[in-house]
Amino acid sequence: MSRVVITGGSGRLGRSLVTGLADAGHEIVSLDRAGAPELDRDGIAQIGVDLSDADATVRALTDARADALIHLAAIAVPFSAPEDVIIRTNTGIAQSVLGGAVAAGIGRIVAASSPTVLGYSAPGWVPERLPLDERTPPRPANAYALSKLVIEQTLAMLRRQTGDAVRYAAFRPCYVIAPEEWAGAVTQQGHTVRQRLDDPALSAPAVFNYVDARDVASFAGTLLAALHDIPNGETFFVGADDALAREPLAALLPRFFPGTEEVAAALTGTAPAFSTAHARALLGWRPGFGWRDQLAGDAAASSSADSAAARTAPDALRSTRKEQPA
């Protein structure tokens, strides 16, 4: 097993990655501004560090003596800070951490990006095809999405500097649902999962994508084990096998994204708008959790519950565009 540094380990997704990889037998070093009490256990070291301080970061990374790095630390929600603060913070920390990992001699470097790099928050967005995948051209439409694309490009820059002596990958986790949120804790946008299902306008800004945080942890472990065996610098979408919606997206998407009728017709049944086929083909990874399993009795719920979306769909989408998740 490996010794893995995880930046942002005290965050929503970070806690699940730290515990999931520790449970799998990895030694974990969590770097964050503050620790999380639930991570105080054997196999996990928590180190407080200001990751915007490049010198302090490279010292912490060097001291960690790690085999691998997973970079999560960032302002995690679009429009949760001024645009200039988001771009400056996320890109600055990425350079500090990713460049620092190379300087510290860490041989496997993975960074979290976001599906938002595709730009589906832009007014009038109509994709060329569905499902969306790693071949879909990035067209970021806000500072958060742009910062995530810069993170991907930072990995590419470093790869050009180091060649294959260091192995890199990026992943784009869909709307992350932490384990406690299935039981009713609010998600990162302030709604419960059930509320997001009851009112499609709440999930529409994310194009109804989601992923259980435990699946992101399993993906990360699979990716780390495979980095030396796959092409260097790959990018992966990480999501559930279905959409966070009670209606098929072929019918639902055109209500919120006018003009998508033709491309949405390619989605059948409960198929999500985001494909994880690349991760399945290259890594053999598949998600293990879905809302139909985690919300008891909800799979059979009538789609009439969607009547909570009383506002017209385009107006509802415009009013919630600033709630787009990572």
C-alpha atoms as a PDB file:
ATOM      1  CA  MET A   1       0.000   0.000   0.000  1.00  0.00           C
ATOM      2  CA  SER A   2       1.005   3.632  -0.493  1.00  0.00           C
ATOM      3  CA  ARG A   3       1.573   6.683   1.653  1.00  0.00           C
ATOM      4  CA  VAL A   4      -0.810   9.265   0.196  1.00  0.00           C
ATOM      5  CA  VAL A   5      -1.068  13.011   0.806  1.00  0.00           C
ATOM      6  CA  ILE A   6      -4.577  14.418   0.420  1.00  0.00           C
ATOM      7  CA  THR A   7      -4.959  18.191   0.403  1.00  0.00           C
ATOM      8  CA  GLY A   8      -8.285  19.485   1.664  1.00  0.00           C
ATOM      9  CA  GLY A   9      -8.719  16.283   3.646  1.00  0.00           C
ATOM     10  CA  SER A  10     -11.013  17.972   6.186  1.00  0.00           C
ATOM     11  CA  GLY A  11     -13.590  18.936   3.549  1.00  0.00           C
ATOM     12  CA  ARG A  12     -16.813  17.149   2.566  1.00  0.00           C
ATOM     13  CA  LEU A  13     -15.233  15.036  -0.144  1.00  0.00           C
ATOM     14  CA  GLY A  14     -11.845  15.013   1.558  1.00  0.00           C
ATOM     15  CA  ARG A  15     -13.114  13.231   4.669  1.00  0.00           C
ATOM     16  CA  SER A  16     -14.563  10.399   2.595  1.00  0.00           C
ATOM     17  CA  LEU A  17     -11.382  10.066   0.557  1.00  0.00           C
ATOM     18  CA  VAL A  18      -9.184  10.083   3.651  1.00  0.00           C
ATOM     19  CA  THR A  19     -11.231   7.459   5.487  1.00  0.00           C
ATOM     20  CA  GLY A  20     -11.899   5.373   2.378  1.00  0.00           C
ATOM     21  CA  LEU A  21      -8.242   5.126   1.412  1.00  0.00           C
ATOM     22  CA  ALA A  22      -7.192   4.569   5.026  1.00  0.00           C
ATOM     23  CA  ASP A  23      -9.723   1.730   5.303  1.00  0.00           C
ATOM     24  CA  ALA A  24      -8.173   0.241   2.147  1.00  0.00           C
ATOM     25  CA  GLY A  25      -4.813   0.102   3.912  1.00  0.00           C
ATOM     26  CA  HIS A  26      -3.084   3.268   2.707  1.00  0.00           C
ATOM     27  CA  GLU A  27      -1.209   5.558   5.073  1.00  0.00           C
ATOM     28  CA  ILE A  28      -2.780   9.000   4.767  1.00  0.00           C
ATOM     29  CA  VAL A  29      -1.402  12.477   5.419  1.00  0.00           C
ATOM     30  CA  SER A  30      -4.148  15.105   5.310  1.00  0.00           C
ATOM     31  CA  LEU A  31      -2.981  18.673   4.634  1.00  0.00           C
ATOM     32  CA  ASP A  32      -5.554  21.333   5.452  1.00  0.00           C
ATOM     33  CA  ARG A  33      -5.854  24.596   7.341  1.00  0.00           C
ATOM     34  CA  ALA A  34      -7.632  22.825  10.183  1.00  0.00           C
ATOM     35  CA  GLY A  35      -8.104  19.212  11.146  1.00  0.00           C
ATOM     36  CA  ALA A  36     -11.298  17.185  11.397  1.00  0.00           C
ATOM     37  CA  PRO A  37     -11.964  15.320  14.697  1.00  0.00           C
ATOM     38  CA  GLU A  38     -13.442  12.317  12.885  1.00  0.00           C
ATOM     39  CA  LEU A  39     -10.086  11.770  11.152  1.00  0.00           C
ATOM     40  CA  ASP A  40      -8.209  11.305  14.435  1.00  0.00           C
ATOM     41  CA  ARG A  41      -7.432   7.610  14.090  1.00  0.00           C
ATOM     42  CA  ASP A  42      -4.617   5.204  13.305  1.00  0.00           C
ATOM     43  CA  GLY A  43      -3.256   5.440   9.779  1.00  0.00           C
ATOM     44  CA  ILE A  44      -4.182   9.115   9.336  1.00  0.00           C
ATOM     45  CA  ALA A  45      -1.910  12.064  10.103  1.00  0.00           C
ATOM     46  CA  GLN A  46      -3.384  15.571   9.988  1.00  0.00           C
ATOM     47  CA  ILE A  47      -1.027  18.470   9.311  1.00  0.00           C
ATOM     48  CA  GLY A  48      -2.139  22.115   9.431  1.00  0.00           C
ATOM     49  CA  VAL A  49      -0.684  24.194   6.610  1.00  0.00           C
ATOM     50  CA  ASP A  50      -1.549  27.268   4.553  1.00  0.00           C
ATOM     51  CA  LEU A  51      -1.449  25.761   1.063  1.00  0.00           C
ATOM     52  CA  SER A  52      -1.265  29.201  -0.544  1.00  0.00           C
ATOM     53  CA  ASP A  53       2.207  29.509   0.989  1.00  0.00           C
ATOM     54  CA  ALA A  54       4.359  27.704  -1.593  1.00  0.00           C
ATOM     55  CA  ASP A  55       7.405  27.379   0.684  1.00  0.00           C
ATOM     56  CA  ALA A  56       5.398  25.983   3.587  1.00  0.00           C
ATOM     57  CA  THR A  57       3.592  23.629   1.218  1.00  0.00           C
ATOM     58  CA  VAL A  58       6.727  22.126  -0.324  1.00  0.00           C
ATOM     59  CA  ARG A  59       8.177  21.643   3.162  1.00  0.00           C
ATOM     60  CA  ALA A  60       5.045  19.824   4.296  1.00  0.00           C
ATOM     61  CA  LEU A  61       5.019  17.686   1.154  1.00  0.00           C
ATOM     62  CA  THR A  62       8.684  16.839   1.546  1.00  0.00           C
ATOM     63  CA  ASP A  63       8.230  15.952   5.213  1.00  0.00           C
ATOM     64  CA  ALA A  64       5.283  13.699   4.326  1.00  0.00           C
ATOM     65  CA  ARG A  65       7.581  11.303   2.409  1.00  0.00           C
ATOM     66  CA  ALA A  66       4.600  10.283   0.297  1.00  0.00           C
ATOM     67  CA  ASP A  67       4.330   8.047  -2.759  1.00  0.00           C
ATOM     68  CA  ALA A  68       1.261   9.827  -4.122  1.00  0.00           C
ATOM     69  CA  LEU A  69      -0.757  13.047  -3.878  1.00  0.00           C
ATOM     70  CA  ILE A  70      -4.458  13.729  -4.373  1.00  0.00           C
ATOM     71  CA  HIS A  71      -5.162  17.461  -4.560  1.00  0.00           C
ATOM     72  CA  LEU A  72      -8.663  18.521  -3.490  1.00  0.00           C
ATOM     73  CA  ALA A  73      -8.119  21.803  -1.632  1.00  0.00           C
ATOM     74  CA  ALA A  74      -9.994  24.707  -3.239  1.00  0.00           C
ATOM     75  CA  ILE A  75     -12.953  27.019  -2.885  1.00  0.00           C
ATOM     76  CA  ALA A  76     -15.433  24.272  -3.671  1.00  0.00           C
ATOM     77  CA  VAL A  77     -18.655  26.023  -4.729  1.00  0.00           C
ATOM     78  CA  PRO A  78     -19.153  28.434  -7.651  1.00  0.00           C
ATOM     79  CA  PHE A  79     -20.040  32.008  -6.657  1.00  0.00           C
ATOM     80  CA  SER A  80     -19.394  31.287  -2.968  1.00  0.00           C
ATOM     81  CA  ALA A  81     -16.734  34.033  -3.118  1.00  0.00           C
ATOM     82  CA  PRO A  82     -16.031  36.879  -5.547  1.00  0.00           C
ATOM     83  CA  GLU A  83     -14.899  35.670  -8.940  1.00  0.00           C
ATOM     84  CA  ASP A  84     -11.434  37.182  -8.607  1.00  0.00           C
ATOM     85  CA  VAL A  85     -10.969  35.497  -5.231  1.00  0.00           C
ATOM     86  CA  ILE A  86     -12.017  32.092  -6.587  1.00  0.00           C
ATOM     87  CA  ILE A  87      -9.690  32.196  -9.586  1.00  0.00           C
ATOM     88  CA  ARG A  88      -6.766  33.535  -7.578  1.00  0.00           C
ATOM     89  CA  THR A  89      -7.231  31.114  -4.683  1.00  0.00           C
ATOM     90  CA  ASN A  90      -7.859  27.923  -6.628  1.00  0.00           C
ATOM     91  CA  THR A  91      -5.180  28.407  -9.245  1.00  0.00           C
ATOM     92  CA  GLY A  92      -2.612  29.716  -6.752  1.00  0.00           C
ATOM     93  CA  ILE A  93      -3.099  26.763  -4.409  1.00  0.00           C
ATOM     94  CA  ALA A  94      -2.943  24.360  -7.356  1.00  0.00           C
ATOM     95  CA  GLN A  95       0.427  25.684  -8.461  1.00  0.00           C
ATOM     96  CA  SER A  96       1.698  25.640  -4.880  1.00  0.00           C
ATOM     97  CA  VAL A  97       0.574  22.048  -4.274  1.00  0.00           C
ATOM     98  CA  LEU A  98       1.147  20.429  -7.656  1.00  0.00           C
ATOM     99  CA  GLY A  99       4.454  22.144  -8.294  1.00  0.00           C
ATOM    100  CA  GLY A 100       5.428  21.468  -4.700  1.00  0.00           C
ATOM    101  CA  ALA A 101       4.653  17.774  -5.124  1.00  0.00           C
ATOM    102  CA  VAL A 102       7.046  17.570  -8.076  1.00  0.00           C
ATOM    103  CA  ALA A 103       9.720  19.395  -6.080  1.00  0.00           C
ATOM    104  CA  ALA A 104       9.163  16.990  -3.165  1.00  0.00           C
ATOM    105  CA  GLY A 105       9.750  13.990  -5.416  1.00  0.00           C
ATOM    106  CA  ILE A 106       6.222  12.576  -5.292  1.00  0.00           C
ATOM    107  CA  GLY A 107       5.847  10.225  -8.245  1.00  0.00           C
ATOM    108  CA  ARG A 108       2.043  10.041  -8.635  1.00  0.00           C
ATOM    109  CA  ILE A 109       0.039  13.265  -8.727  1.00  0.00           C
ATOM    110  CA  VAL A 110      -3.753  13.422  -9.059  1.00  0.00           C
ATOM    111  CA  ALA A 111      -5.932  16.540  -8.963  1.00  0.00           C
ATOM    112  CA  ALA A 112      -9.671  17.070  -8.658  1.00  0.00           C
ATOM    113  CA  SER A 113     -11.226  19.102 -11.449  1.00  0.00           C
ATOM    114  CA  SER A 114     -14.970  19.522 -12.082  1.00  0.00           C
ATOM    115  CA  PRO A 115     -17.654  18.788 -14.695  1.00  0.00           C
ATOM    116  CA  THR A 116     -18.325  22.544 -14.698  1.00  0.00           C
ATOM    117  CA  VAL A 117     -15.360  22.985 -17.064  1.00  0.00           C
ATOM    118  CA  LEU A 118     -17.834  22.053 -19.816  1.00  0.00           C
ATOM    119  CA  GLY A 119     -19.701  25.325 -19.322  1.00  0.00           C
ATOM    120  CA  TYR A 120     -23.278  24.129 -18.884  1.00  0.00           C
ATOM    121  CA  SER A 121     -24.032  27.169 -16.706  1.00  0.00           C
ATOM    122  CA  ALA A 122     -23.898  29.438 -19.767  1.00  0.00           C
ATOM    123  CA  PRO A 123     -27.248  30.800 -21.020  1.00  0.00           C
ATOM    124  CA  GLY A 124     -28.446  28.936 -24.101  1.00  0.00           C
ATOM    125  CA  TRP A 125     -26.117  25.988 -23.514  1.00  0.00           C
ATOM    126  CA  VAL A 126     -26.728  23.132 -25.939  1.00  0.00           C
ATOM    127  CA  PRO A 127     -24.068  20.395 -26.116  1.00  0.00           C
ATOM    128  CA  GLU A 128     -22.986  18.921 -29.411  1.00  0.00           C
ATOM    129  CA  ARG A 129     -23.921  15.459 -28.155  1.00  0.00           C
ATOM    130  CA  LEU A 130     -24.947  13.491 -25.094  1.00  0.00           C
ATOM    131  CA  PRO A 131     -23.832  11.871 -22.919  1.00  0.00           C
ATOM    132  CA  LEU A 132     -21.067  14.293 -22.012  1.00  0.00           C
ATOM    133  CA  ASP A 133     -17.644  12.726 -21.708  1.00  0.00           C
ATOM    134  CA  GLU A 134     -13.914  13.477 -21.734  1.00  0.00           C
ATOM    135  CA  ARG A 135     -14.059  14.329 -25.456  1.00  0.00           C
ATOM    136  CA  THR A 136     -16.568  17.142 -24.882  1.00  0.00           C
ATOM    137  CA  PRO A 137     -14.712  20.457 -25.390  1.00  0.00           C
ATOM    138  CA  PRO A 138     -14.236  22.511 -22.186  1.00  0.00           C
ATOM    139  CA  ARG A 139     -15.955  25.907 -22.322  1.00  0.00           C
ATOM    140  CA  PRO A 140     -15.874  27.283 -18.742  1.00  0.00           C
ATOM    141  CA  ALA A 141     -18.485  29.950 -18.048  1.00  0.00           C
ATOM    142  CA  ASN A 142     -17.484  31.187 -14.577  1.00  0.00           C
ATOM    143  CA  ALA A 143     -14.336  31.671 -12.502  1.00  0.00           C
ATOM    144  CA  TYR A 144     -14.783  28.414 -10.601  1.00  0.00           C
ATOM    145  CA  ALA A 145     -14.999  26.365 -13.796  1.00  0.00           C
ATOM    146  CA  LEU A 146     -12.066  28.256 -15.293  1.00  0.00           C
ATOM    147  CA  SER A 147      -9.983  27.605 -12.184  1.00  0.00           C
ATOM    148  CA  LYS A 148     -10.649  23.881 -12.515  1.00  0.00           C
ATOM    149  CA  LEU A 149      -9.600  23.897 -16.150  1.00  0.00           C
ATOM    150  CA  VAL A 150      -6.419  25.720 -15.141  1.00  0.00           C
ATOM    151  CA  ILE A 151      -5.767  22.915 -12.639  1.00  0.00           C
ATOM    152  CA  GLU A 152      -6.010  20.382 -15.464  1.00  0.00           C
ATOM    153  CA  GLN A 153      -3.670  22.506 -17.557  1.00  0.00           C
ATOM    154  CA  THR A 154      -1.239  22.816 -14.650  1.00  0.00           C
ATOM    155  CA  LEU A 155      -0.947  19.033 -14.610  1.00  0.00           C
ATOM    156  CA  ALA A 156      -0.310  19.087 -18.366  1.00  0.00           C
ATOM    157  CA  MET A 157       2.342  21.781 -17.925  1.00  0.00           C
ATOM    158  CA  LEU A 158       4.125  19.785 -15.238  1.00  0.00           C
ATOM    159  CA  ARG A 159       3.996  16.670 -17.373  1.00  0.00           C
ATOM    160  CA  ARG A 160       5.741  18.545 -20.152  1.00  0.00           C
ATOM    161  CA  GLN A 161       8.442  19.466 -17.642  1.00  0.00           C
ATOM    162  CA  THR A 162       8.943  16.006 -16.122  1.00  0.00           C
ATOM    163  CA  GLY A 163       7.900  13.626 -18.865  1.00  0.00           C
ATOM    164  CA  ASP A 164       6.811  10.203 -17.676  1.00  0.00           C
ATOM    165  CA  ALA A 165       9.121  10.270 -14.664  1.00  0.00           C
ATOM    166  CA  VAL A 166       6.027  11.509 -12.795  1.00  0.00           C
ATOM    167  CA  ARG A 167       2.552  10.094 -13.441  1.00  0.00           C
ATOM    168  CA  TYR A 168      -0.406  12.492 -13.550  1.00  0.00           C
ATOM    169  CA  ALA A 169      -4.190  12.307 -13.790  1.00  0.00           C
ATOM    170  CA  ALA A 170      -7.202  14.558 -13.258  1.00  0.00           C
ATOM    171  CA  PHE A 171     -10.722  13.561 -12.303  1.00  0.00           C
ATOM    172  CA  ARG A 172     -14.015  15.430 -12.491  1.00  0.00           C
ATOM    173  CA  PRO A 173     -16.323  14.287  -9.683  1.00  0.00           C
ATOM    174  CA  CYS A 174     -19.996  14.987 -10.222  1.00  0.00           C
ATOM    175  CA  TYR A 175     -22.198  16.611  -7.542  1.00  0.00           C
ATOM    176  CA  VAL A 176     -20.802  14.947  -4.423  1.00  0.00           C
ATOM    177  CA  ILE A 177     -23.238  13.444  -1.925  1.00  0.00           C
ATOM    178  CA  ALA A 178     -21.649  12.558   1.414  1.00  0.00           C
ATOM    179  CA  PRO A 179     -22.927   9.442   3.236  1.00  0.00           C
ATOM    180  CA  GLU A 180     -24.757  11.437   5.919  1.00  0.00           C
ATOM    181  CA  GLU A 181     -26.676  13.369   3.264  1.00  0.00           C
ATOM    182  CA  TRP A 182     -28.652  10.277   2.255  1.00  0.00           C
ATOM    183  CA  ALA A 183     -30.070  10.338   5.792  1.00  0.00           C
ATOM    184  CA  GLY A 184     -31.265  13.939   5.451  1.00  0.00           C
ATOM    185  CA  ALA A 185     -28.262  16.185   6.098  1.00  0.00           C
ATOM    186  CA  VAL A 186     -28.228  19.087   3.656  1.00  0.00           C
ATOM    187  CA  THR A 187     -26.032  18.918   0.573  1.00  0.00           C
ATOM    188  CA  GLN A 188     -23.502  21.568  -0.409  1.00  0.00           C
ATOM    189  CA  GLN A 189     -26.260  23.730  -1.922  1.00  0.00           C
ATOM    190  CA  GLY A 190     -28.414  23.758   1.223  1.00  0.00           C
ATOM    191  CA  HIS A 191     -31.041  21.256   0.057  1.00  0.00           C
ATOM    192  CA  THR A 192     -31.541  17.632   0.999  1.00  0.00           C
ATOM    193  CA  VAL A 193     -31.183  14.924  -1.639  1.00  0.00           C
ATOM    194  CA  ARG A 194     -34.911  14.263  -1.458  1.00  0.00           C
ATOM    195  CA  GLN A 195     -35.660  17.940  -2.064  1.00  0.00           C
ATOM    196  CA  ARG A 196     -33.417  17.855  -5.139  1.00  0.00           C
ATOM    197  CA  LEU A 197     -35.434  14.914  -6.424  1.00  0.00           C
ATOM    198  CA  ASP A 198     -38.790  16.489  -5.567  1.00  0.00           C
ATOM    199  CA  ASP A 199     -37.938  19.733  -7.371  1.00  0.00           C
ATOM    200  CA  PRO A 200     -35.986  19.151 -10.605  1.00  0.00           C
ATOM    201  CA  ALA A 201     -35.152  22.850 -10.766  1.00  0.00           C
ATOM    202  CA  LEU A 202     -32.691  22.307  -7.908  1.00  0.00           C
ATOM    203  CA  SER A 203     -30.686  19.646  -9.767  1.00  0.00           C
ATOM    204  CA  ALA A 204     -31.042  21.105 -13.246  1.00  0.00           C
ATOM    205  CA  PRO A 205     -28.087  23.546 -12.924  1.00  0.00           C
ATOM    206  CA  ALA A 206     -25.821  20.500 -12.457  1.00  0.00           C
ATOM    207  CA  VAL A 207     -27.531  18.680 -15.354  1.00  0.00           C
ATOM    208  CA  PHE A 208     -28.790  16.164 -12.756  1.00  0.00           C
ATOM    209  CA  ASN A 209     -25.341  14.706 -12.095  1.00  0.00           C
ATOM    210  CA  TYR A 210     -24.237  13.244  -8.757  1.00  0.00           C
ATOM    211  CA  VAL A 211     -21.810  10.808  -7.158  1.00  0.00           C
ATOM    212  CA  ASP A 212     -21.540   9.231  -3.725  1.00  0.00           C
ATOM    213  CA  ALA A 213     -18.364  10.373  -1.958  1.00  0.00           C
ATOM    214  CA  ARG A 214     -17.529   6.743  -1.187  1.00  0.00           C
ATOM    215  CA  ASP A 215     -17.469   6.014  -4.902  1.00  0.00           C
ATOM    216  CA  VAL A 216     -14.991   8.850  -5.396  1.00  0.00           C
ATOM    217  CA  ALA A 217     -12.803   7.208  -2.753  1.00  0.00           C
ATOM    218  CA  SER A 218     -12.993   3.839  -4.509  1.00  0.00           C
ATOM    219  CA  PHE A 219     -12.198   5.525  -7.825  1.00  0.00           C
ATOM    220  CA  ALA A 220      -9.187   7.291  -6.310  1.00  0.00           C
ATOM    221  CA  GLY A 221      -7.787   4.042  -4.959  1.00  0.00           C
ATOM    222  CA  THR A 222      -8.271   2.305  -8.298  1.00  0.00           C
ATOM    223  CA  LEU A 223      -6.654   5.200 -10.146  1.00  0.00           C
ATOM    224  CA  LEU A 224      -3.604   5.349  -7.881  1.00  0.00           C
ATOM    225  CA  ALA A 225      -2.993   1.637  -8.377  1.00  0.00           C
ATOM    226  CA  ALA A 226      -3.245   1.973 -12.167  1.00  0.00           C
ATOM    227  CA  LEU A 227      -1.288   5.173 -12.823  1.00  0.00           C
ATOM    228  CA  HIS A 228       1.830   3.396 -14.045  1.00  0.00           C
ATOM    229  CA  ASP A 229      -0.183   1.165 -16.374  1.00  0.00           C
ATOM    230  CA  ILE A 230      -2.360   3.717 -18.186  1.00  0.00           C
ATOM    231  CA  PRO A 231      -1.424   6.613 -20.491  1.00  0.00           C
ATOM    232  CA  ASN A 232       0.028   9.520 -18.543  1.00  0.00           C
ATOM    233  CA  GLY A 233      -2.125  12.610 -18.005  1.00  0.00           C
ATOM    234  CA  GLU A 234      -5.593  11.077 -18.381  1.00  0.00           C
ATOM    235  CA  THR A 235      -8.787  12.834 -17.275  1.00  0.00           C
ATOM    236  CA  PHE A 236     -11.855  10.997 -15.975  1.00  0.00           C
ATOM    237  CA  PHE A 237     -15.458  11.802 -15.157  1.00  0.00           C
ATOM    238  CA  VAL A 238     -16.559  10.183 -11.894  1.00  0.00           C
ATOM    239  CA  GLY A 239     -20.295   9.875 -11.448  1.00  0.00           C
ATOM    240  CA  ALA A 240     -23.212   7.619 -10.636  1.00  0.00           C
ATOM    241  CA  ASP A 241     -24.721   5.208 -13.150  1.00  0.00           C
ATOM    242  CA  ASP A 242     -27.967   7.154 -13.287  1.00  0.00           C
ATOM    243  CA  ALA A 243     -29.259  10.715 -13.049  1.00  0.00           C
ATOM    244  CA  LEU A 244     -30.487  12.441  -9.891  1.00  0.00           C
ATOM    245  CA  ALA A 245     -34.001  12.596 -11.302  1.00  0.00           C
ATOM    246  CA  ARG A 246     -37.184  10.553 -11.268  1.00  0.00           C
ATOM    247  CA  GLU A 247     -37.928  11.240 -14.944  1.00  0.00           C
ATOM    248  CA  PRO A 248     -35.790  10.161 -17.898  1.00  0.00           C
ATOM    249  CA  LEU A 249     -33.456  12.979 -18.937  1.00  0.00           C
ATOM    250  CA  ALA A 250     -34.599  12.677 -22.541  1.00  0.00           C
ATOM    251  CA  ALA A 251     -37.865  14.260 -21.385  1.00  0.00           C
ATOM    252  CA  LEU A 252     -36.516  16.376 -18.543  1.00  0.00           C
ATOM    253  CA  LEU A 253     -33.517  18.160 -20.057  1.00  0.00           C
ATOM    254  CA  PRO A 254     -35.417  20.112 -22.750  1.00  0.00           C
ATOM    255  CA  ARG A 255     -37.578  21.674 -20.018  1.00  0.00           C
ATOM    256  CA  PHE A 256     -34.521  23.332 -18.494  1.00  0.00           C
ATOM    257  CA  PHE A 257     -32.179  23.592 -21.492  1.00  0.00           C
ATOM    258  CA  PRO A 258     -34.278  24.659 -24.483  1.00  0.00           C
ATOM    259  CA  GLY A 259     -32.917  23.350 -27.753  1.00  0.00           C
ATOM    260  CA  THR A 260     -31.588  20.085 -26.327  1.00  0.00           C
ATOM    261  CA  GLU A 261     -34.461  17.915 -27.552  1.00  0.00           C
ATOM    262  CA  GLU A 262     -32.433  16.274 -30.312  1.00  0.00           C
ATOM    263  CA  VAL A 263     -29.269  15.545 -28.338  1.00  0.00           C
ATOM    264  CA  ALA A 264     -31.200  14.486 -25.216  1.00  0.00           C
ATOM    265  CA  ALA A 265     -32.972  11.815 -27.243  1.00  0.00           C
ATOM    266  CA  ALA A 266     -29.711   9.828 -27.149  1.00  0.00           C
ATOM    267  CA  LEU A 267     -30.253   9.268 -23.397  1.00  0.00           C
ATOM    268  CA  THR A 268     -32.549   6.354 -22.659  1.00  0.00           C
ATOM    269  CA  GLY A 269     -34.190   5.248 -19.431  1.00  0.00           C
ATOM    270  CA  THR A 270     -32.351   6.475 -16.347  1.00  0.00           C
ATOM    271  CA  ALA A 271     -29.059   7.112 -18.184  1.00  0.00           C
ATOM    272  CA  PRO A 272     -27.105  10.104 -16.795  1.00  0.00           C
ATOM    273  CA  ALA A 273     -25.926  13.054 -18.865  1.00  0.00           C
ATOM    274  CA  PHE A 274     -22.294  12.320 -17.882  1.00  0.00           C
ATOM    275  CA  SER A 275     -20.571   9.144 -19.031  1.00  0.00           C
ATOM    276  CA  THR A 276     -18.111   7.174 -16.881  1.00  0.00           C
ATOM    277  CA  ALA A 277     -17.330   4.762 -19.712  1.00  0.00           C
ATOM    278  CA  HIS A 278     -13.728   5.993 -19.886  1.00  0.00           C
ATOM    279  CA  ALA A 279     -13.072   5.046 -16.252  1.00  0.00           C
ATOM    280  CA  ARG A 280     -14.765   1.710 -16.811  1.00  0.00           C
ATOM    281  CA  ALA A 281     -12.762   0.936 -19.953  1.00  0.00           C
ATOM    282  CA  LEU A 282      -9.352   2.107 -18.741  1.00  0.00           C
ATOM    283  CA  LEU A 283      -9.552   1.307 -15.027  1.00  0.00           C
ATOM    284  CA  GLY A 284     -12.309  -1.249 -14.705  1.00  0.00           C
ATOM    285  CA  TRP A 285     -14.021   1.067 -12.216  1.00  0.00           C
ATOM    286  CA  ARG A 286     -17.780   1.378 -11.722  1.00  0.00           C
ATOM    287  CA  PRO A 287     -19.767   3.255  -9.069  1.00  0.00           C
ATOM    288  CA  GLY A 288     -21.396   1.203  -6.347  1.00  0.00           C
ATOM    289  CA  PHE A 289     -23.929   3.635  -4.873  1.00  0.00           C
ATOM    290  CA  GLY A 290     -27.049   5.259  -6.298  1.00  0.00           C
ATOM    291  CA  TRP A 291     -30.009   7.219  -4.999  1.00  0.00           C
ATOM    292  CA  ARG A 292     -32.431   4.371  -5.651  1.00  0.00           C
ATOM    293  CA  ASP A 293     -30.453   2.184  -3.251  1.00  0.00           C
ATOM    294  CA  GLN A 294     -29.718   4.860  -0.679  1.00  0.00           C
ATOM    295  CA  LEU A 295     -33.165   6.462  -0.367  1.00  0.00           C
ATOM    296  CA  ALA A 296     -35.413   3.640   0.829  1.00  0.00           C
ATOM    297  CA  GLY A 297     -38.747   3.560  -0.948  1.00  0.00           C
ATOM    298  CA  ASP A 298     -37.921   6.497  -3.172  1.00  0.00           C
ATOM    299  CA  ALA A 299     -37.269   4.503  -6.339  1.00  0.00           C
ATOM    300  CA  ALA A 300     -40.978   3.777  -6.617  1.00  0.00           C
ATOM    301  CA  ALA A 301     -42.031   7.349  -5.918  1.00  0.00           C
ATOM    302  CA  SER A 302     -44.370   8.834  -8.473  1.00  0.00           C
ATOM    303  CA  SER A 303     -42.981  11.479 -10.765  1.00  0.00           C
ATOM    304  CA  SER A 304     -45.932  13.579  -9.630  1.00  0.00           C
ATOM    305  CA  ALA A 305     -43.681  14.678  -6.781  1.00  0.00           C
ATOM    306  CA  ASP A 306     -42.048  16.901  -9.362  1.00  0.00           C
ATOM    307  CA  SER A 307     -45.049  19.205  -9.020  1.00  0.00           C
ATOM    308  CA  ALA A 308     -42.961  21.104  -6.470  1.00  0.00           C
ATOM    309  CA  ALA A 309     -41.295  22.705  -9.476  1.00  0.00           C
ATOM    310  CA  ALA A 310     -44.141  25.173  -9.885  1.00  0.00           C
ATOM    311  CA  ARG A 311     -42.045  27.849 -11.546  1.00  0.00           C
ATOM    312  CA  THR A 312     -41.526  27.701 -15.277  1.00  0.00           C
ATOM    313  CA  ALA A 313     -38.467  25.604 -16.018  1.00  0.00           C
ATOM    314  CA  PRO A 314     -36.297  28.228 -17.773  1.00  0.00           C
ATOM    315  CA  ASP A 315     -37.001  30.786 -15.025  1.00  0.00           C
ATOM    316  CA  ALA A 316     -36.203  28.230 -12.323  1.00  0.00           C
ATOM    317  CA  LEU A 317     -32.943  27.370 -14.001  1.00  0.00           C
ATOM    318  CA  ARG A 318     -31.900  30.994 -14.310  1.00  0.00           C
ATOM    319  CA  SER A 319     -32.642  31.575 -10.628  1.00  0.00           C
ATOM    320  CA  THR A 320     -30.475  28.635  -9.549  1.00  0.00           C
ATOM    321  CA  ARG A 321     -27.561  28.888 -11.972  1.00  0.00           C
ATOM    322  CA  LYS A 322     -25.347  30.310  -9.231  1.00  0.00           C
ATOM    323  CA  GLU A 323     -25.843  27.093  -7.264  1.00  0.00           C
ATOM    324  CA  GLN A 324     -23.881  24.982  -9.706  1.00  0.00           C
ATOM    325  CA  PRO A 325     -21.794  22.402  -7.812  1.00  0.00           C
ATOM    326  CA  ALA A 326     -18.317  21.071  -8.163  1.00  0.00           C
END
